[in-house]
Amino acid sequence: MLDSVDVARAAVSLSITATRAEEEELIKKLSEQGIIAAAVDIGGDIISKTHIVIERAVIAARKSKMIKEDSISDGVIAGAAREAQSQIVKRAIGLNGGGKIAVCRSDQNVCVSIFMSIGMMYLNEVAIGLGHRVVGE
């Protein structure tokens, strides 16, 4: 049985994949290990797009059949996404960023990882945030 640390590692690994092909390969590999995974790209002003970050995480989780389409499941993903985002907000004030949101689930453990390059022109900083929640069956 996989625990929360395993799911967190999976989410971080998925969020840092460099190409769509690498992402798809990792999702398949994680599935074989019992982890449902999904990823989606994000970009822009991370602070003013809080709702978009959360919506993309929820929609990715729904499309991958990771969660049911109900308010409890949506809230679990939204909470984990918001936690992950809050860890990178300080670095993003006044700047734009681009990166990826990864959502992974095994049993009751759900993790959301956000990996971003934040900055202007070529002066970028790298940031990563991770949120964990538990969802019922």
C-alpha atoms as a PDB file:
ATOM      1  CA  MET A   1       0.000   0.000   0.000  1.00  0.00           C
ATOM      2  CA  LEU A   2       1.299   3.434  -0.923  1.00  0.00           C
ATOM      3  CA  ASP A   3       1.417   6.210   1.656  1.00  0.00           C
ATOM      4  CA  SER A   4       1.249  10.000   1.450  1.00  0.00           C
ATOM      5  CA  VAL A   5       5.014  10.337   0.901  1.00  0.00           C
ATOM      6  CA  ASP A   6       4.854   8.077  -2.167  1.00  0.00           C
ATOM      7  CA  VAL A   7       1.984  10.104  -3.618  1.00  0.00           C
ATOM      8  CA  ALA A   8       3.823  13.365  -2.887  1.00  0.00           C
ATOM      9  CA  ARG A   9       6.945  12.089  -4.676  1.00  0.00           C
ATOM     10  CA  ALA A  10       4.807  11.127  -7.656  1.00  0.00           C
ATOM     11  CA  ALA A  11       3.185  14.571  -7.821  1.00  0.00           C
ATOM     12  CA  VAL A  12       6.507  16.390  -7.616  1.00  0.00           C
ATOM     13  CA  SER A  13       8.054  14.091 -10.246  1.00  0.00           C
ATOM     14  CA  LEU A  14       5.128  14.652 -12.598  1.00  0.00           C
ATOM     15  CA  SER A  15       5.135  18.429 -12.131  1.00  0.00           C
ATOM     16  CA  ILE A  16       8.790  18.680 -13.174  1.00  0.00           C
ATOM     17  CA  THR A  17       8.521  16.670 -16.388  1.00  0.00           C
ATOM     18  CA  ALA A  18       9.980  18.646 -19.270  1.00  0.00           C
ATOM     19  CA  THR A  19       7.923  17.388 -22.207  1.00  0.00           C
ATOM     20  CA  ARG A  20       4.415  16.114 -22.873  1.00  0.00           C
ATOM     21  CA  ALA A  21       5.865  12.743 -23.921  1.00  0.00           C
ATOM     22  CA  GLU A  22       7.773  12.447 -20.637  1.00  0.00           C
ATOM     23  CA  GLU A  23       4.612  13.433 -18.760  1.00  0.00           C
ATOM     24  CA  GLU A  24       2.500  10.792 -20.537  1.00  0.00           C
ATOM     25  CA  GLU A  25       5.135   8.114 -19.937  1.00  0.00           C
ATOM     26  CA  LEU A  26       5.288   8.921 -16.222  1.00  0.00           C
ATOM     27  CA  ILE A  27       1.483   8.911 -15.908  1.00  0.00           C
ATOM     28  CA  LYS A  28       1.439   5.414 -17.410  1.00  0.00           C
ATOM     29  CA  LYS A  29       4.235   4.243 -15.093  1.00  0.00           C
ATOM     30  CA  LEU A  30       2.477   5.694 -12.035  1.00  0.00           C
ATOM     31  CA  SER A  31      -0.763   3.986 -13.050  1.00  0.00           C
ATOM     32  CA  GLU A  32       1.052   0.637 -13.005  1.00  0.00           C
ATOM     33  CA  GLN A  33       2.113   1.436  -9.422  1.00  0.00           C
ATOM     34  CA  GLY A  34      -1.444   2.223  -8.325  1.00  0.00           C
ATOM     35  CA  ILE A  35      -1.280   6.017  -8.579  1.00  0.00           C
ATOM     36  CA  ILE A  36      -3.813   7.934 -10.656  1.00  0.00           C
ATOM     37  CA  ALA A  37      -2.099  11.021 -12.085  1.00  0.00           C
ATOM     38  CA  ALA A  38      -2.939  14.083 -14.155  1.00  0.00           C
ATOM     39  CA  ALA A  39      -1.078  17.218 -15.172  1.00  0.00           C
ATOM     40  CA  VAL A  40      -1.912  20.557 -16.740  1.00  0.00           C
ATOM     41  CA  ASP A  41       0.161  23.567 -17.802  1.00  0.00           C
ATOM     42  CA  ILE A  42      -0.312  26.992 -16.226  1.00  0.00           C
ATOM     43  CA  GLY A  43       1.047  30.426 -16.926  1.00  0.00           C
ATOM     44  CA  GLY A  44       0.640  34.122 -16.287  1.00  0.00           C
ATOM     45  CA  ASP A  45       0.241  36.102 -13.109  1.00  0.00           C
ATOM     46  CA  ILE A  46      -0.077  33.316 -10.557  1.00  0.00           C
ATOM     47  CA  ILE A  47      -1.484  35.602  -7.862  1.00  0.00           C
ATOM     48  CA  SER A  48      -4.354  37.098  -9.848  1.00  0.00           C
ATOM     49  CA  LYS A  49      -5.160  33.689 -11.350  1.00  0.00           C
ATOM     50  CA  THR A  50      -5.699  31.816  -8.088  1.00  0.00           C
ATOM     51  CA  HIS A  51      -9.125  30.661  -9.230  1.00  0.00           C
ATOM     52  CA  ILE A  52      -7.710  29.387 -12.515  1.00  0.00           C
ATOM     53  CA  VAL A  53      -4.978  27.377 -10.773  1.00  0.00           C
ATOM     54  CA  ILE A  54      -7.581  25.740  -8.538  1.00  0.00           C
ATOM     55  CA  GLU A  55     -10.034  25.154 -11.405  1.00  0.00           C
ATOM     56  CA  ARG A  56      -7.362  23.533 -13.584  1.00  0.00           C
ATOM     57  CA  ALA A  57      -6.343  21.186 -10.776  1.00  0.00           C
ATOM     58  CA  VAL A  58      -9.973  20.186 -10.136  1.00  0.00           C
ATOM     59  CA  ILE A  59     -10.744  19.695 -13.834  1.00  0.00           C
ATOM     60  CA  ALA A  60      -7.577  17.614 -14.362  1.00  0.00           C
ATOM     61  CA  ALA A  61      -8.549  15.408 -11.398  1.00  0.00           C
ATOM     62  CA  ARG A  62     -12.099  14.993 -12.716  1.00  0.00           C
ATOM     63  CA  LYS A  63     -10.986  14.180 -16.286  1.00  0.00           C
ATOM     64  CA  SER A  64      -8.635  11.487 -15.027  1.00  0.00           C
ATOM     65  CA  LYS A  65     -11.476   9.971 -12.946  1.00  0.00           C
ATOM     66  CA  MET A  66      -9.376  10.570  -9.829  1.00  0.00           C
ATOM     67  CA  ILE A  67     -12.324  12.088  -7.975  1.00  0.00           C
ATOM     68  CA  LYS A  68     -16.094  12.083  -8.150  1.00  0.00           C
ATOM     69  CA  GLU A  69     -17.826  15.169  -9.457  1.00  0.00           C
ATOM     70  CA  ASP A  70     -19.106  16.425  -6.111  1.00  0.00           C
ATOM     71  CA  SER A  71     -18.372  19.291  -3.766  1.00  0.00           C
ATOM     72  CA  ILE A  72     -16.447  17.185  -1.243  1.00  0.00           C
ATOM     73  CA  SER A  73     -14.026  15.804  -3.840  1.00  0.00           C
ATOM     74  CA  ASP A  74     -13.668  19.188  -5.530  1.00  0.00           C
ATOM     75  CA  GLY A  75     -12.920  20.724  -2.135  1.00  0.00           C
ATOM     76  CA  VAL A  76     -10.163  18.220  -1.444  1.00  0.00           C
ATOM     77  CA  ILE A  77      -8.397  19.049  -4.704  1.00  0.00           C
ATOM     78  CA  ALA A  78      -9.014  22.775  -4.313  1.00  0.00           C
ATOM     79  CA  GLY A  79      -7.584  22.736  -0.791  1.00  0.00           C
ATOM     80  CA  ALA A  80      -4.443  20.893  -1.833  1.00  0.00           C
ATOM     81  CA  ALA A  81      -3.999  23.177  -4.868  1.00  0.00           C
ATOM     82  CA  ARG A  82      -4.448  26.285  -2.741  1.00  0.00           C
ATOM     83  CA  GLU A  83      -1.874  25.001  -0.241  1.00  0.00           C
ATOM     84  CA  ALA A  84       0.618  24.325  -3.038  1.00  0.00           C
ATOM     85  CA  GLN A  85       0.012  27.751  -4.542  1.00  0.00           C
ATOM     86  CA  SER A  86       0.411  29.525  -1.197  1.00  0.00           C
ATOM     87  CA  GLN A  87       3.945  28.155  -0.944  1.00  0.00           C
ATOM     88  CA  ILE A  88       5.053  29.934  -4.113  1.00  0.00           C
ATOM     89  CA  VAL A  89       3.057  33.187  -3.888  1.00  0.00           C
ATOM     90  CA  LYS A  90       5.776  35.169  -2.069  1.00  0.00           C
ATOM     91  CA  ARG A  91       8.154  34.630  -4.960  1.00  0.00           C
ATOM     92  CA  ALA A  92       5.550  35.537  -7.564  1.00  0.00           C
ATOM     93  CA  ILE A  93       4.426  38.998  -6.409  1.00  0.00           C
ATOM     94  CA  GLY A  94       4.395  41.305  -9.424  1.00  0.00           C
ATOM     95  CA  LEU A  95       5.855  38.684 -11.770  1.00  0.00           C
ATOM     96  CA  ASN A  96       4.600  36.183 -14.305  1.00  0.00           C
ATOM     97  CA  GLY A  97       5.294  32.496 -14.315  1.00  0.00           C
ATOM     98  CA  GLY A  98       4.896  29.364 -16.309  1.00  0.00           C
ATOM     99  CA  GLY A  99       4.861  25.769 -15.258  1.00  0.00           C
ATOM    100  CA  LYS A 100       2.781  22.749 -14.464  1.00  0.00           C
ATOM    101  CA  ILE A 101       0.246  21.515 -11.946  1.00  0.00           C
ATOM    102  CA  ALA A 102       0.341  17.792 -11.151  1.00  0.00           C
ATOM    103  CA  VAL A 103      -2.357  15.961  -9.220  1.00  0.00           C
ATOM    104  CA  CYS A 104      -1.803  12.416  -7.942  1.00  0.00           C
ATOM    105  CA  ARG A 105      -3.941  10.038  -5.918  1.00  0.00           C
ATOM    106  CA  SER A 106      -3.520   6.620  -4.383  1.00  0.00           C
ATOM    107  CA  ASP A 107      -6.247   5.303  -2.104  1.00  0.00           C
ATOM    108  CA  GLN A 108      -7.216   8.223   0.148  1.00  0.00           C
ATOM    109  CA  ASN A 109      -4.060  10.309  -0.347  1.00  0.00           C
ATOM    110  CA  VAL A 110      -4.176  13.200  -2.816  1.00  0.00           C
ATOM    111  CA  CYS A 111      -1.234  15.506  -3.570  1.00  0.00           C
ATOM    112  CA  VAL A 112      -1.021  18.576  -5.781  1.00  0.00           C
ATOM    113  CA  SER A 113       2.365  19.884  -6.880  1.00  0.00           C
ATOM    114  CA  ILE A 114       2.934  23.172  -8.690  1.00  0.00           C
ATOM    115  CA  PHE A 115       6.294  23.706 -10.397  1.00  0.00           C
ATOM    116  CA  MET A 116       6.933  27.122 -11.931  1.00  0.00           C
ATOM    117  CA  SER A 117       9.534  29.370 -13.408  1.00  0.00           C
ATOM    118  CA  ILE A 118       8.758  32.866 -12.148  1.00  0.00           C
ATOM    119  CA  GLY A 119      10.310  36.135 -13.266  1.00  0.00           C
ATOM    120  CA  MET A 120      10.824  38.460 -16.175  1.00  0.00           C
ATOM    121  CA  MET A 121      12.793  38.090 -19.362  1.00  0.00           C
ATOM    122  CA  TYR A 122      15.635  35.664 -18.574  1.00  0.00           C
ATOM    123  CA  LEU A 123      15.785  36.530 -14.855  1.00  0.00           C
ATOM    124  CA  ASN A 124      13.744  33.627 -13.572  1.00  0.00           C
ATOM    125  CA  GLU A 125      13.477  31.898 -10.250  1.00  0.00           C
ATOM    126  CA  VAL A 126      12.195  28.370  -9.836  1.00  0.00           C
ATOM    127  CA  ALA A 127       9.511  27.600  -7.259  1.00  0.00           C
ATOM    128  CA  ILE A 128       7.666  24.491  -6.202  1.00  0.00           C
ATOM    129  CA  GLY A 129       4.692  24.055  -3.896  1.00  0.00           C
ATOM    130  CA  LEU A 130       3.064  20.893  -2.575  1.00  0.00           C
ATOM    131  CA  GLY A 131      -0.290  20.295  -0.934  1.00  0.00           C
ATOM    132  CA  HIS A 132      -1.730  17.082   0.550  1.00  0.00           C
ATOM    133  CA  ARG A 133      -5.262  16.134   1.517  1.00  0.00           C
ATOM    134  CA  VAL A 134      -7.150  12.970   2.354  1.00  0.00           C
ATOM    135  CA  VAL A 135     -10.346  12.089   0.508  1.00  0.00           C
ATOM    136  CA  GLY A 136     -12.943   9.485   1.440  1.00  0.00           C
ATOM    137  CA  GLU A 137     -13.758   6.575  -0.806  1.00  0.00           C
END
